[in-house]
Amino acid sequence: MSFEEAYNEFLKYVSKRHKKQGLVALTSNFNSKIIPFFKGKNIYELSKIDLLNWQNYIYEFNFKNSYNDRLLINLRSFLKFCHNYYDLSDNLYLSLEPFVKKSEENNFDFYTLQEFNRFIKFIDNEVYKQFFTFMFFCGTRPGETFGLRFCDLEDDIVHVRHTLTTKGGRTLDSPKNKTSYRDIKIDNLLKKDLLKLKKYYYGKYK
């Protein structure tokens, strides 16, 4: 069985078990950095040397450690699938060693309150203004903020239950992980601004 044939079956399998945005990321990783290397190979003829050479190939791109890890997880899950359903030796996915971590500088960039106030005063669109204000004071991700509905506001609590994904089209999906489900308590000023925004929307689109 060719690598591509096995991958197509693997894709059918994961499409029923992955969130949409996760599936889009997985297929992108395979199409760009896994399938081109293994294209045309028979899965039963893959060797540890093939996997080692693939890792050397990935090293040449000098990706971040986090991206290397995602590629490794993707390939390992594929090989495990082949082991479970096509009797591929488990020696392959078990022998796939982690990428060597390179030294990376952690840069954390953030707005101070003074910088944010200087920025927000130039935003004259009410929707954009509340979008950036909510993220700054509540710490939500852009997708989570886009995914909020007015029904998620209950008194002084905002319930974060969705995220808006743009991978494969703009759709509401569940948050990134379980800890992303959360309730955020807001102050009266922010609540007033959100209710003002609600009134603006209802007046504009009713």
N, C-alpha and C. Protein backbone atom coordinates (compact mmCIF):
# COMPACT_ATOMS: atom_id res chain seq x y z
N MET A 1 0.85 -1.21 0.00
CA MET A 1 0.00 0.00 0.00
C MET A 1 0.88 1.24 0.00
N SER A 2 0.56 2.17 -0.89
CA SER A 2 1.37 3.38 -0.97
C SER A 2 1.08 4.30 0.21
N PHE A 3 2.02 5.17 0.47
CA PHE A 3 1.85 6.13 1.57
C PHE A 3 0.60 6.98 1.34
N GLU A 4 0.36 7.42 0.10
CA GLU A 4 -0.79 8.27 -0.19
C GLU A 4 -2.11 7.52 0.03
N GLU A 5 -2.16 6.25 -0.36
CA GLU A 5 -3.39 5.45 -0.16
C GLU A 5 -3.69 5.30 1.33
N ALA A 6 -2.66 5.01 2.09
CA ALA A 6 -2.84 4.85 3.54
C ALA A 6 -3.25 6.18 4.16
N TYR A 7 -2.67 7.28 3.66
CA TYR A 7 -3.02 8.60 4.20
C TYR A 7 -4.49 8.93 3.92
N ASN A 8 -4.99 8.60 2.74
CA ASN A 8 -6.39 8.86 2.42
C ASN A 8 -7.33 8.12 3.37
N GLU A 9 -6.97 6.90 3.74
CA GLU A 9 -7.78 6.14 4.70
C GLU A 9 -7.65 6.75 6.10
N PHE A 10 -6.45 7.19 6.43
CA PHE A 10 -6.21 7.86 7.71
C PHE A 10 -7.03 9.14 7.81
N LEU A 11 -7.12 9.86 6.69
CA LEU A 11 -7.87 11.11 6.67
C LEU A 11 -9.36 10.85 6.91
N LYS A 12 -9.90 9.79 6.35
CA LYS A 12 -11.30 9.42 6.60
C LYS A 12 -11.51 9.14 8.09
N TYR A 13 -10.53 8.49 8.68
CA TYR A 13 -10.61 8.13 10.10
C TYR A 13 -10.59 9.37 10.99
N VAL A 14 -9.63 10.26 10.77
CA VAL A 14 -9.50 11.42 11.65
C VAL A 14 -10.58 12.46 11.40
N SER A 15 -11.16 12.48 10.19
CA SER A 15 -12.19 13.48 9.89
C SER A 15 -13.42 13.30 10.78
N LYS A 16 -13.62 12.10 11.30
CA LYS A 16 -14.74 11.84 12.20
C LYS A 16 -14.38 12.06 13.66
N ARG A 17 -13.12 12.34 13.93
CA ARG A 17 -12.65 12.38 15.31
C ARG A 17 -11.92 13.67 15.67
N HIS A 18 -11.78 14.59 14.71
CA HIS A 18 -11.09 15.85 14.97
C HIS A 18 -12.05 17.03 14.79
N LYS A 19 -11.79 18.09 15.53
CA LYS A 19 -12.50 19.34 15.28
C LYS A 19 -12.07 19.88 13.92
N LYS A 20 -12.92 20.72 13.35
CA LYS A 20 -12.68 21.21 12.00
C LYS A 20 -11.35 21.92 11.87
N GLN A 21 -11.05 22.83 12.82
CA GLN A 21 -9.80 23.58 12.68
C GLN A 21 -8.57 22.68 12.87
N GLY A 22 -8.72 21.64 13.72
CA GLY A 22 -7.62 20.70 13.90
C GLY A 22 -7.39 19.87 12.65
N LEU A 23 -8.47 19.50 11.97
CA LEU A 23 -8.36 18.71 10.75
C LEU A 23 -7.71 19.53 9.63
N VAL A 24 -8.07 20.79 9.55
CA VAL A 24 -7.48 21.66 8.52
C VAL A 24 -5.97 21.80 8.75
N ALA A 25 -5.57 21.96 10.02
CA ALA A 25 -4.14 22.09 10.34
C ALA A 25 -3.41 20.79 10.02
N LEU A 26 -4.02 19.66 10.36
CA LEU A 26 -3.39 18.36 10.11
C LEU A 26 -3.18 18.13 8.63
N THR A 27 -4.21 18.36 7.82
CA THR A 27 -4.07 18.14 6.37
C THR A 27 -3.05 19.09 5.76
N SER A 28 -3.00 20.32 6.29
CA SER A 28 -2.00 21.27 5.79
C SER A 28 -0.59 20.79 6.09
N ASN A 29 -0.39 20.27 7.29
CA ASN A 29 0.93 19.77 7.67
C ASN A 29 1.35 18.59 6.80
N PHE A 30 0.41 17.67 6.57
CA PHE A 30 0.72 16.51 5.74
C PHE A 30 1.02 16.93 4.30
N ASN A 31 0.18 17.79 3.75
CA ASN A 31 0.33 18.16 2.34
C ASN A 31 1.61 18.95 2.07
N SER A 32 2.08 19.69 3.08
CA SER A 32 3.24 20.54 2.84
C SER A 32 4.57 19.91 3.27
N LYS A 33 4.56 19.11 4.36
CA LYS A 33 5.85 18.69 4.91
C LYS A 33 5.98 17.19 5.18
N ILE A 34 4.94 16.40 4.90
CA ILE A 34 5.05 14.96 5.15
C ILE A 34 4.87 14.17 3.85
N ILE A 35 3.77 14.38 3.16
CA ILE A 35 3.51 13.63 1.94
C ILE A 35 4.57 13.88 0.87
N PRO A 36 5.03 15.14 0.64
CA PRO A 36 6.06 15.33 -0.39
C PRO A 36 7.31 14.50 -0.16
N PHE A 37 7.65 14.25 1.11
CA PHE A 37 8.85 13.47 1.40
C PHE A 37 8.62 11.97 1.19
N PHE A 38 7.45 11.47 1.59
CA PHE A 38 7.18 10.03 1.55
C PHE A 38 6.38 9.61 0.31
N LYS A 39 6.11 10.54 -0.57
CA LYS A 39 5.28 10.24 -1.74
C LYS A 39 5.83 9.07 -2.55
N GLY A 40 4.94 8.11 -2.88
CA GLY A 40 5.32 6.96 -3.70
C GLY A 40 5.91 5.80 -2.94
N LYS A 41 6.21 5.99 -1.65
CA LYS A 41 6.80 4.91 -0.86
C LYS A 41 5.72 3.92 -0.41
N ASN A 42 6.10 2.67 -0.31
CA ASN A 42 5.23 1.64 0.22
C ASN A 42 5.34 1.66 1.74
N ILE A 43 4.21 1.72 2.45
CA ILE A 43 4.27 1.84 3.91
C ILE A 43 4.96 0.64 4.56
N TYR A 44 4.87 -0.53 3.90
CA TYR A 44 5.49 -1.72 4.48
C TYR A 44 6.99 -1.78 4.24
N GLU A 45 7.49 -0.84 3.44
CA GLU A 45 8.92 -0.79 3.19
C GLU A 45 9.59 0.37 3.89
N LEU A 46 8.81 1.12 4.68
CA LEU A 46 9.39 2.22 5.44
C LEU A 46 10.34 1.68 6.50
N SER A 47 11.41 2.40 6.73
CA SER A 47 12.41 1.97 7.72
C SER A 47 12.69 3.11 8.69
N LYS A 48 13.42 2.79 9.75
CA LYS A 48 13.81 3.80 10.72
C LYS A 48 14.68 4.88 10.06
N ILE A 49 15.46 4.45 9.07
CA ILE A 49 16.32 5.40 8.36
C ILE A 49 15.46 6.40 7.58
N ASP A 50 14.35 5.94 7.02
CA ASP A 50 13.45 6.85 6.31
C ASP A 50 12.93 7.93 7.26
N LEU A 51 12.57 7.52 8.47
CA LEU A 51 12.05 8.48 9.45
C LEU A 51 13.14 9.44 9.89
N LEU A 52 14.35 8.92 10.06
CA LEU A 52 15.47 9.77 10.43
C LEU A 52 15.77 10.80 9.33
N ASN A 53 15.72 10.34 8.09
CA ASN A 53 15.97 11.25 6.96
C ASN A 53 14.87 12.31 6.85
N TRP A 54 13.63 11.92 7.18
CA TRP A 54 12.54 12.90 7.18
C TRP A 54 12.80 13.98 8.23
N GLN A 55 13.25 13.57 9.41
CA GLN A 55 13.54 14.55 10.44
C GLN A 55 14.68 15.47 10.01
N ASN A 56 15.70 14.91 9.38
CA ASN A 56 16.79 15.74 8.87
C ASN A 56 16.27 16.74 7.83
N TYR A 57 15.34 16.29 7.02
CA TYR A 57 14.70 17.15 6.01
C TYR A 57 13.95 18.30 6.69
N ILE A 58 13.24 18.02 7.77
CA ILE A 58 12.50 19.05 8.50
C ILE A 58 13.46 20.02 9.19
N TYR A 59 14.57 19.51 9.69
CA TYR A 59 15.55 20.39 10.35
C TYR A 59 16.03 21.51 9.40
N GLU A 60 16.08 21.21 8.11
CA GLU A 60 16.59 22.18 7.15
C GLU A 60 15.73 23.44 7.08
N PHE A 61 14.46 23.33 7.46
CA PHE A 61 13.57 24.49 7.39
C PHE A 61 13.72 25.41 8.60
N ASN A 62 14.39 24.91 9.63
CA ASN A 62 14.61 25.72 10.83
C ASN A 62 13.30 26.24 11.44
N PHE A 63 12.31 25.35 11.50
CA PHE A 63 11.03 25.72 12.09
C PHE A 63 11.17 25.90 13.60
N LYS A 64 10.17 26.51 14.18
CA LYS A 64 10.12 26.61 15.64
C LYS A 64 9.91 25.23 16.25
N ASN A 65 10.35 25.08 17.50
CA ASN A 65 10.20 23.80 18.19
C ASN A 65 8.74 23.33 18.22
N SER A 66 7.84 24.26 18.42
CA SER A 66 6.43 23.90 18.54
C SER A 66 5.89 23.32 17.23
N TYR A 67 6.34 23.86 16.10
CA TYR A 67 5.86 23.35 14.81
C TYR A 67 6.47 21.98 14.52
N ASN A 68 7.74 21.80 14.84
CA ASN A 68 8.35 20.49 14.70
C ASN A 68 7.59 19.44 15.50
N ASP A 69 7.20 19.81 16.72
CA ASP A 69 6.46 18.88 17.57
C ASP A 69 5.12 18.50 16.95
N ARG A 70 4.44 19.47 16.34
CA ARG A 70 3.14 19.17 15.71
C ARG A 70 3.32 18.23 14.53
N LEU A 71 4.35 18.46 13.73
CA LEU A 71 4.62 17.56 12.61
C LEU A 71 4.91 16.14 13.09
N LEU A 72 5.67 16.05 14.16
CA LEU A 72 6.01 14.74 14.73
C LEU A 72 4.76 14.02 15.21
N ILE A 73 3.89 14.73 15.91
CA ILE A 73 2.65 14.14 16.41
C ILE A 73 1.79 13.66 15.25
N ASN A 74 1.72 14.45 14.18
CA ASN A 74 0.92 14.07 13.01
C ASN A 74 1.43 12.79 12.37
N LEU A 75 2.74 12.73 12.13
CA LEU A 75 3.31 11.54 11.49
C LEU A 75 3.20 10.33 12.40
N ARG A 76 3.44 10.52 13.67
CA ARG A 76 3.36 9.40 14.62
C ARG A 76 1.93 8.85 14.68
N SER A 77 0.94 9.73 14.68
CA SER A 77 -0.45 9.26 14.73
C SER A 77 -0.81 8.49 13.46
N PHE A 78 -0.27 8.91 12.32
CA PHE A 78 -0.50 8.19 11.07
C PHE A 78 0.13 6.80 11.12
N LEU A 79 1.36 6.72 11.59
CA LEU A 79 2.04 5.42 11.67
C LEU A 79 1.35 4.49 12.67
N LYS A 80 0.84 5.06 13.75
CA LYS A 80 0.10 4.24 14.72
C LYS A 80 -1.20 3.73 14.11
N PHE A 81 -1.86 4.58 13.33
CA PHE A 81 -3.07 4.16 12.62
C PHE A 81 -2.76 2.99 11.70
N CYS A 82 -1.66 3.11 10.96
CA CYS A 82 -1.25 2.02 10.05
C CYS A 82 -0.92 0.75 10.83
N HIS A 83 -0.35 0.89 11.99
CA HIS A 83 -0.07 -0.28 12.84
C HIS A 83 -1.36 -0.95 13.30
N ASN A 84 -2.33 -0.14 13.71
CA ASN A 84 -3.58 -0.67 14.25
C ASN A 84 -4.46 -1.31 13.19
N TYR A 85 -4.44 -0.76 11.97
CA TYR A 85 -5.41 -1.20 10.97
C TYR A 85 -4.79 -1.87 9.74
N TYR A 86 -3.48 -1.72 9.56
CA TYR A 86 -2.83 -2.35 8.41
C TYR A 86 -1.62 -3.20 8.81
N ASP A 87 -1.53 -3.51 10.10
CA ASP A 87 -0.48 -4.40 10.61
C ASP A 87 0.93 -3.91 10.32
N LEU A 88 1.08 -2.59 10.25
CA LEU A 88 2.43 -2.04 10.12
C LEU A 88 3.17 -2.24 11.44
N SER A 89 4.44 -2.54 11.37
CA SER A 89 5.22 -2.78 12.59
C SER A 89 5.14 -1.59 13.53
N ASP A 90 4.96 -1.89 14.82
CA ASP A 90 4.92 -0.80 15.80
C ASP A 90 6.31 -0.23 16.07
N ASN A 91 7.34 -0.87 15.53
CA ASN A 91 8.70 -0.37 15.73
C ASN A 91 8.88 1.01 15.10
N LEU A 92 8.07 1.30 14.07
CA LEU A 92 8.24 2.58 13.38
C LEU A 92 7.77 3.75 14.21
N TYR A 93 6.51 3.73 14.63
CA TYR A 93 6.04 4.90 15.38
C TYR A 93 6.67 4.98 16.76
N LEU A 94 7.08 3.84 17.31
CA LEU A 94 7.75 3.87 18.61
C LEU A 94 9.18 4.38 18.49
N SER A 95 9.77 4.23 17.33
CA SER A 95 11.16 4.65 17.14
C SER A 95 11.28 6.10 16.70
N LEU A 96 10.15 6.74 16.42
CA LEU A 96 10.18 8.12 15.97
C LEU A 96 10.52 9.04 17.15
N GLU A 97 11.77 9.44 17.21
CA GLU A 97 12.26 10.19 18.37
C GLU A 97 11.87 11.67 18.27
N PRO A 98 11.74 12.34 19.41
CA PRO A 98 11.43 13.78 19.39
C PRO A 98 12.53 14.57 18.69
N PHE A 99 12.15 15.69 18.11
CA PHE A 99 13.14 16.58 17.53
C PHE A 99 14.00 17.18 18.64
N VAL A 100 15.24 17.40 18.34
CA VAL A 100 16.12 18.07 19.30
C VAL A 100 15.68 19.52 19.44
N LYS A 101 15.49 19.96 20.67
CA LYS A 101 15.04 21.32 20.91
C LYS A 101 16.18 22.31 20.69
N LYS A 102 15.88 23.35 19.92
CA LYS A 102 16.88 24.40 19.75
C LYS A 102 16.56 25.54 20.70
N SER A 103 17.55 26.35 20.96
CA SER A 103 17.36 27.48 21.87
C SER A 103 16.52 28.54 21.18
N GLU A 104 15.43 28.95 21.86
CA GLU A 104 14.55 29.98 21.32
C GLU A 104 14.31 31.05 22.37
N GLU A 105 14.29 32.28 21.90
CA GLU A 105 14.02 33.39 22.80
C GLU A 105 12.52 33.60 22.91
N ASN A 106 12.03 33.62 24.13
CA ASN A 106 10.61 33.83 24.36
C ASN A 106 10.32 35.34 24.42
N ASN A 107 9.59 35.81 23.43
CA ASN A 107 9.24 37.23 23.38
C ASN A 107 7.77 37.41 23.72
N PHE A 108 7.49 38.14 24.75
CA PHE A 108 6.13 38.43 25.15
C PHE A 108 5.86 39.92 24.92
N ASP A 109 5.00 40.19 23.97
CA ASP A 109 4.69 41.58 23.63
C ASP A 109 3.28 41.89 24.11
N PHE A 110 3.11 43.00 24.78
CA PHE A 110 1.80 43.35 25.29
C PHE A 110 1.68 44.87 25.37
N TYR A 111 0.43 45.31 25.40
CA TYR A 111 0.12 46.74 25.53
C TYR A 111 0.02 47.09 27.01
N THR A 112 0.63 48.18 27.39
CA THR A 112 0.35 48.74 28.71
C THR A 112 -0.99 49.48 28.61
N LEU A 113 -1.57 49.82 29.75
CA LEU A 113 -2.83 50.55 29.74
C LEU A 113 -2.66 51.89 29.03
N GLN A 114 -1.54 52.53 29.25
CA GLN A 114 -1.29 53.82 28.60
C GLN A 114 -1.22 53.66 27.08
N GLU A 115 -0.54 52.62 26.62
CA GLU A 115 -0.43 52.37 25.19
C GLU A 115 -1.78 52.03 24.58
N PHE A 116 -2.57 51.22 25.33
CA PHE A 116 -3.89 50.85 24.82
C PHE A 116 -4.79 52.08 24.70
N ASN A 117 -4.78 52.92 25.70
CA ASN A 117 -5.61 54.14 25.66
C ASN A 117 -5.22 55.03 24.49
N ARG A 118 -3.93 55.07 24.21
CA ARG A 118 -3.46 55.88 23.09
C ARG A 118 -3.93 55.28 21.76
N PHE A 119 -3.95 53.94 21.70
CA PHE A 119 -4.38 53.24 20.49
C PHE A 119 -5.89 53.36 20.28
N ILE A 120 -6.67 53.10 21.34
CA ILE A 120 -8.12 52.98 21.18
C ILE A 120 -8.78 54.31 20.86
N LYS A 121 -8.16 55.42 21.21
CA LYS A 121 -8.80 56.71 20.96
C LYS A 121 -8.85 57.04 19.47
N PHE A 122 -8.07 56.31 18.64
CA PHE A 122 -8.09 56.54 17.21
C PHE A 122 -9.07 55.60 16.48
N ILE A 123 -9.72 54.70 17.24
CA ILE A 123 -10.70 53.80 16.65
C ILE A 123 -12.07 54.44 16.75
N ASP A 124 -12.63 54.84 15.62
CA ASP A 124 -13.92 55.52 15.65
C ASP A 124 -15.09 54.60 15.31
N ASN A 125 -14.80 53.35 14.93
CA ASN A 125 -15.85 52.37 14.66
C ASN A 125 -16.24 51.70 15.98
N GLU A 126 -17.52 51.79 16.34
CA GLU A 126 -17.97 51.29 17.64
C GLU A 126 -17.75 49.79 17.80
N VAL A 127 -17.94 49.02 16.74
CA VAL A 127 -17.77 47.57 16.82
C VAL A 127 -16.31 47.22 17.06
N TYR A 128 -15.41 47.81 16.28
CA TYR A 128 -13.98 47.55 16.45
C TYR A 128 -13.50 48.00 17.84
N LYS A 129 -14.03 49.13 18.28
CA LYS A 129 -13.61 49.66 19.58
C LYS A 129 -13.95 48.69 20.69
N GLN A 130 -15.17 48.13 20.67
CA GLN A 130 -15.56 47.19 21.72
C GLN A 130 -14.84 45.85 21.57
N PHE A 131 -14.52 45.48 20.34
CA PHE A 131 -13.77 44.25 20.08
C PHE A 131 -12.40 44.30 20.76
N PHE A 132 -11.66 45.37 20.51
CA PHE A 132 -10.32 45.50 21.08
C PHE A 132 -10.38 45.75 22.59
N THR A 133 -11.37 46.50 23.03
CA THR A 133 -11.50 46.79 24.46
C THR A 133 -11.78 45.51 25.24
N PHE A 134 -12.68 44.70 24.72
CA PHE A 134 -13.02 43.45 25.40
C PHE A 134 -11.80 42.54 25.50
N MET A 135 -11.07 42.39 24.41
CA MET A 135 -9.88 41.53 24.43
C MET A 135 -8.84 42.04 25.42
N PHE A 136 -8.64 43.35 25.44
CA PHE A 136 -7.60 43.91 26.31
C PHE A 136 -7.92 43.67 27.78
N PHE A 137 -9.17 43.90 28.17
CA PHE A 137 -9.52 43.81 29.59
C PHE A 137 -9.93 42.40 30.03
N CYS A 138 -10.29 41.54 29.08
CA CYS A 138 -10.75 40.19 29.45
C CYS A 138 -9.78 39.09 29.04
N GLY A 139 -8.80 39.41 28.21
CA GLY A 139 -7.78 38.43 27.86
C GLY A 139 -8.25 37.32 26.94
N THR A 140 -9.29 37.56 26.15
CA THR A 140 -9.77 36.54 25.24
C THR A 140 -8.98 36.55 23.93
N ARG A 141 -9.01 35.41 23.25
CA ARG A 141 -8.39 35.32 21.94
C ARG A 141 -9.29 36.00 20.90
N PRO A 142 -8.74 36.42 19.76
CA PRO A 142 -9.58 37.04 18.72
C PRO A 142 -10.75 36.15 18.29
N GLY A 143 -10.47 34.86 18.06
CA GLY A 143 -11.53 33.95 17.63
C GLY A 143 -12.62 33.80 18.67
N GLU A 144 -12.23 33.78 19.95
CA GLU A 144 -13.21 33.68 21.03
C GLU A 144 -14.07 34.94 21.09
N THR A 145 -13.44 36.09 20.88
CA THR A 145 -14.17 37.35 20.92
C THR A 145 -15.14 37.46 19.75
N PHE A 146 -14.68 37.05 18.57
CA PHE A 146 -15.57 37.05 17.41
C PHE A 146 -16.74 36.08 17.62
N GLY A 147 -16.49 35.02 18.38
CA GLY A 147 -17.51 34.00 18.58
C GLY A 147 -18.55 34.33 19.65
N LEU A 148 -18.37 35.44 20.35
CA LEU A 148 -19.32 35.83 21.39
C LEU A 148 -20.64 36.32 20.79
N ARG A 149 -21.73 35.98 21.48
CA ARG A 149 -23.06 36.46 21.11
C ARG A 149 -23.63 37.22 22.30
N PHE A 150 -24.60 38.05 22.05
CA PHE A 150 -25.17 38.82 23.16
C PHE A 150 -25.85 37.93 24.18
N CYS A 151 -26.30 36.74 23.76
CA CYS A 151 -26.89 35.81 24.72
C CYS A 151 -25.85 35.22 25.66
N ASP A 152 -24.55 35.41 25.35
CA ASP A 152 -23.48 34.95 26.24
C ASP A 152 -23.24 35.91 27.39
N LEU A 153 -23.88 37.08 27.32
CA LEU A 153 -23.78 38.05 28.41
C LEU A 153 -24.96 37.85 29.36
N GLU A 154 -24.65 37.50 30.59
CA GLU A 154 -25.68 37.25 31.60
C GLU A 154 -25.34 38.06 32.85
N ASP A 155 -26.06 39.17 33.02
CA ASP A 155 -25.79 40.10 34.10
C ASP A 155 -24.36 40.62 33.94
N ASP A 156 -23.47 40.33 34.89
CA ASP A 156 -22.09 40.82 34.78
C ASP A 156 -21.12 39.69 34.44
N ILE A 157 -21.65 38.61 33.85
CA ILE A 157 -20.82 37.47 33.46
C ILE A 157 -20.91 37.25 31.96
N VAL A 158 -19.75 37.05 31.33
CA VAL A 158 -19.71 36.69 29.91
C VAL A 158 -19.26 35.23 29.83
N HIS A 159 -20.07 34.41 29.20
CA HIS A 159 -19.77 32.99 29.05
C HIS A 159 -19.03 32.74 27.74
N VAL A 160 -17.80 32.27 27.83
CA VAL A 160 -17.02 31.95 26.63
C VAL A 160 -17.27 30.49 26.29
N ARG A 161 -17.98 30.25 25.20
CA ARG A 161 -18.41 28.90 24.84
C ARG A 161 -18.09 28.54 23.39
N HIS A 162 -17.67 29.53 22.60
CA HIS A 162 -17.41 29.28 21.18
C HIS A 162 -16.17 30.04 20.71
N THR A 163 -15.72 29.66 19.55
CA THR A 163 -14.68 30.42 18.87
C THR A 163 -15.05 30.46 17.40
N LEU A 164 -14.70 31.54 16.74
CA LEU A 164 -14.97 31.65 15.31
C LEU A 164 -13.72 31.20 14.56
N THR A 165 -13.86 30.17 13.77
CA THR A 165 -12.72 29.68 12.99
C THR A 165 -12.87 30.10 11.55
N THR A 166 -11.77 30.48 10.93
CA THR A 166 -11.78 30.91 9.53
C THR A 166 -11.14 29.86 8.63
N LYS A 167 -10.73 28.73 9.22
CA LYS A 167 -10.13 27.66 8.42
C LYS A 167 -11.24 26.86 7.76
N GLY A 168 -11.28 26.87 6.43
CA GLY A 168 -12.33 26.16 5.72
C GLY A 168 -13.65 26.91 5.74
N GLY A 169 -13.63 28.23 6.00
CA GLY A 169 -14.85 29.02 6.05
C GLY A 169 -15.10 29.54 7.45
N ARG A 170 -15.85 30.61 7.57
CA ARG A 170 -16.13 31.23 8.86
C ARG A 170 -17.27 30.47 9.55
N THR A 171 -16.95 29.74 10.60
CA THR A 171 -17.96 28.97 11.32
C THR A 171 -17.68 29.03 12.82
N LEU A 172 -18.75 28.90 13.61
CA LEU A 172 -18.60 28.81 15.05
C LEU A 172 -18.22 27.40 15.44
N ASP A 173 -17.25 27.28 16.32
CA ASP A 173 -16.81 25.97 16.78
C ASP A 173 -16.59 26.05 18.28
N SER A 174 -16.34 24.91 18.89
CA SER A 174 -16.03 24.89 20.31
C SER A 174 -14.65 25.51 20.54
N PRO A 175 -14.35 25.99 21.74
CA PRO A 175 -13.05 26.63 22.01
C PRO A 175 -11.88 25.69 21.80
N LYS A 176 -10.68 26.26 21.88
CA LYS A 176 -9.45 25.53 21.59
C LYS A 176 -9.28 24.30 22.46
N ASN A 177 -9.57 24.41 23.74
CA ASN A 177 -9.45 23.27 24.65
C ASN A 177 -10.44 23.43 25.80
N LYS A 178 -10.47 22.45 26.70
CA LYS A 178 -11.46 22.46 27.78
C LYS A 178 -11.31 23.66 28.70
N THR A 179 -10.08 24.05 28.96
CA THR A 179 -9.86 25.18 29.87
C THR A 179 -10.30 26.50 29.25
N SER A 180 -10.55 26.50 27.93
CA SER A 180 -11.00 27.72 27.27
C SER A 180 -12.48 28.02 27.56
N TYR A 181 -13.21 27.00 28.01
CA TYR A 181 -14.58 27.25 28.46
C TYR A 181 -14.48 27.97 29.80
N ARG A 182 -14.97 29.20 29.87
CA ARG A 182 -14.83 29.93 31.12
C ARG A 182 -15.86 31.04 31.21
N ASP A 183 -16.06 31.51 32.43
CA ASP A 183 -16.96 32.62 32.71
C ASP A 183 -16.12 33.81 33.15
N ILE A 184 -16.33 34.94 32.51
CA ILE A 184 -15.54 36.14 32.79
C ILE A 184 -16.43 37.19 33.43
N LYS A 185 -16.04 37.62 34.60
CA LYS A 185 -16.80 38.68 35.29
C LYS A 185 -16.31 40.04 34.79
N ILE A 186 -17.25 40.88 34.38
CA ILE A 186 -16.88 42.19 33.84
C ILE A 186 -17.39 43.30 34.75
N ASP A 187 -16.78 44.46 34.66
CA ASP A 187 -17.23 45.57 35.50
C ASP A 187 -18.39 46.30 34.84
N ASN A 188 -18.98 47.24 35.57
CA ASN A 188 -20.17 47.93 35.08
C ASN A 188 -19.89 48.77 33.84
N LEU A 189 -18.68 49.32 33.75
CA LEU A 189 -18.35 50.15 32.59
C LEU A 189 -18.32 49.33 31.31
N LEU A 190 -17.67 48.18 31.38
CA LEU A 190 -17.61 47.32 30.20
C LEU A 190 -18.99 46.76 29.87
N LYS A 191 -19.74 46.41 30.90
CA LYS A 191 -21.09 45.92 30.67
C LYS A 191 -21.93 46.98 29.97
N LYS A 192 -21.81 48.21 30.41
CA LYS A 192 -22.55 49.32 29.80
C LYS A 192 -22.18 49.46 28.33
N ASP A 193 -20.90 49.34 28.03
CA ASP A 193 -20.44 49.46 26.64
C ASP A 193 -21.00 48.32 25.78
N LEU A 194 -21.04 47.11 26.35
CA LEU A 194 -21.55 45.96 25.59
C LEU A 194 -23.05 46.10 25.33
N LEU A 195 -23.77 46.59 26.31
CA LEU A 195 -25.21 46.81 26.13
C LEU A 195 -25.46 47.91 25.10
N LYS A 196 -24.58 48.89 25.09
CA LYS A 196 -24.67 49.96 24.08
C LYS A 196 -24.43 49.38 22.69
N LEU A 197 -23.45 48.47 22.61
CA LEU A 197 -23.16 47.81 21.33
C LEU A 197 -24.35 46.94 20.89
N LYS A 198 -24.97 46.27 21.85
CA LYS A 198 -26.14 45.44 21.55
C LYS A 198 -27.27 46.30 20.97
N LYS A 199 -27.49 47.45 21.59
CA LYS A 199 -28.52 48.37 21.12
C LYS A 199 -28.20 48.86 19.71
N TYR A 200 -26.90 49.09 19.45
CA TYR A 200 -26.46 49.54 18.13
C TYR A 200 -26.76 48.48 17.08
N TYR A 201 -26.43 47.21 17.40
CA TYR A 201 -26.67 46.11 16.46
C TYR A 201 -28.14 45.92 16.20
N TYR A 202 -28.92 45.88 17.26
CA TYR A 202 -30.36 45.64 17.10
C TYR A 202 -31.03 46.77 16.33
N GLY A 203 -30.54 47.99 16.51
CA GLY A 203 -31.10 49.10 15.77
C GLY A 203 -30.69 49.10 14.32
N LYS A 204 -29.49 48.58 14.04
CA LYS A 204 -28.95 48.60 12.67
C LYS A 204 -29.45 47.45 11.83
N TYR A 205 -29.68 46.26 12.47
CA TYR A 205 -29.96 45.06 11.67
C TYR A 205 -31.36 44.48 11.92
N LYS A 206 -32.19 45.12 12.72
CA LYS A 206 -33.52 44.56 12.96
C LYS A 206 -34.41 44.74 11.72
